[in-house]
Amino acid sequence: MTTHPLDTLEMMRRLIAAPSISSASVHHDQSNLVVIEHLHEWLEGLGFAAEVMPVPGHPEKANLIATLGSGPGGLVLSGHTDTVPCDPELWRSDPFFLTERDNRLYGLGTCDMKGFFALAIEAARHFVDQPLKQPLIILATADEESSMSGARALADAGRPLARAAVIGEPTRLQPIRMHKGIIMESVRIQGRSGHSSDPSLGANALEAMHAVMTELLALRTELQQKHRNAQFRVEVPTLNLGCIHGGDSSNRICGRCELEYDLRPLPGMSIDGLRNAISERLRPLNDRFGVKIETHSQFPGIPPFETPADSELVRLAEQLTGHRAEAVAFGTEAPFLQSLGMDTIIMGPGSIDQAHQPDEFLALDQIRPTVALLRNLIAHYCL
């Protein structure tokens, strides 16, 4: 069987050198196809059956499903191919060139999370000539940092299917079995402008928005009184009023106002239920202020995620790492993979503290432990 000629750092170098920023802004958004092509070539060279899966509605985006072995069950090692935008002028080195210094590897995506693919491939190399009883799947997705369109496409298609899935987001190799959900919403109010000297000439959208914010903050209090999970550092669901725009002059009745907020529900809370509750709560304000209030979702949202503490994968990860499975506030693709029936956790090299900021890095001392951990997981689920 042909083995892969590139070493781990060279694979990482080539992945970092292929820009694949995803963003809701068209100005920043880029294709991930070069990264997919690299992974496709390398994994096929190792004997994987690799399939490129276009993401519907995104012609320059694709997922990759690479499978070694066959049959039911098995293990998915999953990561996203995209990165957030960056400010190169704030970096000490080129973010698209893998730079080694201070026993660290610097570059955009080193820990979040292109570096994981190089380590997963290095771990998989050990098994290419062994008869696997259950398949090993390496999954690479698109647009995790923006819309999660890649993971949504997989969930909609009902694949891949395996017994367990590990998402290699940066967690310092500590297993994560829970995270909060994310919804980002906007409230748009259309009032009626007029001269400020006579309030009866208009319908003030800003005054209506004041009532909207009052209702949202009251809802936040109610949710925090009702829902609590001590596994999280912030134990309650959060609701943040992020930004507001409205009006154009102090002597003119405000005719239009828009508020953007984010809400982070705990596991067990329904995104659709929250959206419906908010819409119902705001509906009476239309007549009260004589305005039109509309609610909009900025993206489909990320459901909260939880894998039971006694699941096989959680127990195995805890045994292999010596760390108790924890909870985090940031969102991942885990709920979408879990929806396919897979026992799912988040666990990978590097720290979320280094992600999404200048001089992102992966410490060199994370490489060998990661490869060893992944090999143990592959042996358990595939041999």
Foldseek 3Di string as FASTA:
>chain_A
DAAAPDALVVLLQQLLLDAQADAPDPVGGDALVVVVVSLQVNLVRLVWDKDWADQPPDRRYTKIKTKQADDAAAEEEEAESHAHDADQVVAPDGQSGFDDDPLWTWHTQCQNHSSQSSLLSVLCSVPSPPHWPHMYIYMYFYDFVYFSSRLVRQLVVLDDHHAAYEYAHADQQAWAFWEWKKWKKKKKKFKFKDFQVDVVRIQAPVVLVVVLVVLVVVVQVVQQVVFFDPLEPGTTKDKAFDDKDWDDDPRMRIGMMMTMMMIIHGPPDDPVVVVVVSCVSSVVSCVVRVIDMDMDTPHPIGHIGGADQPDPVQVVSCVLPVHHHGYYHDGGSFVSNVSSVYRYIYGHFDHPVLGPYHRRITRNVRSVSRSVVSNVVNVVTID
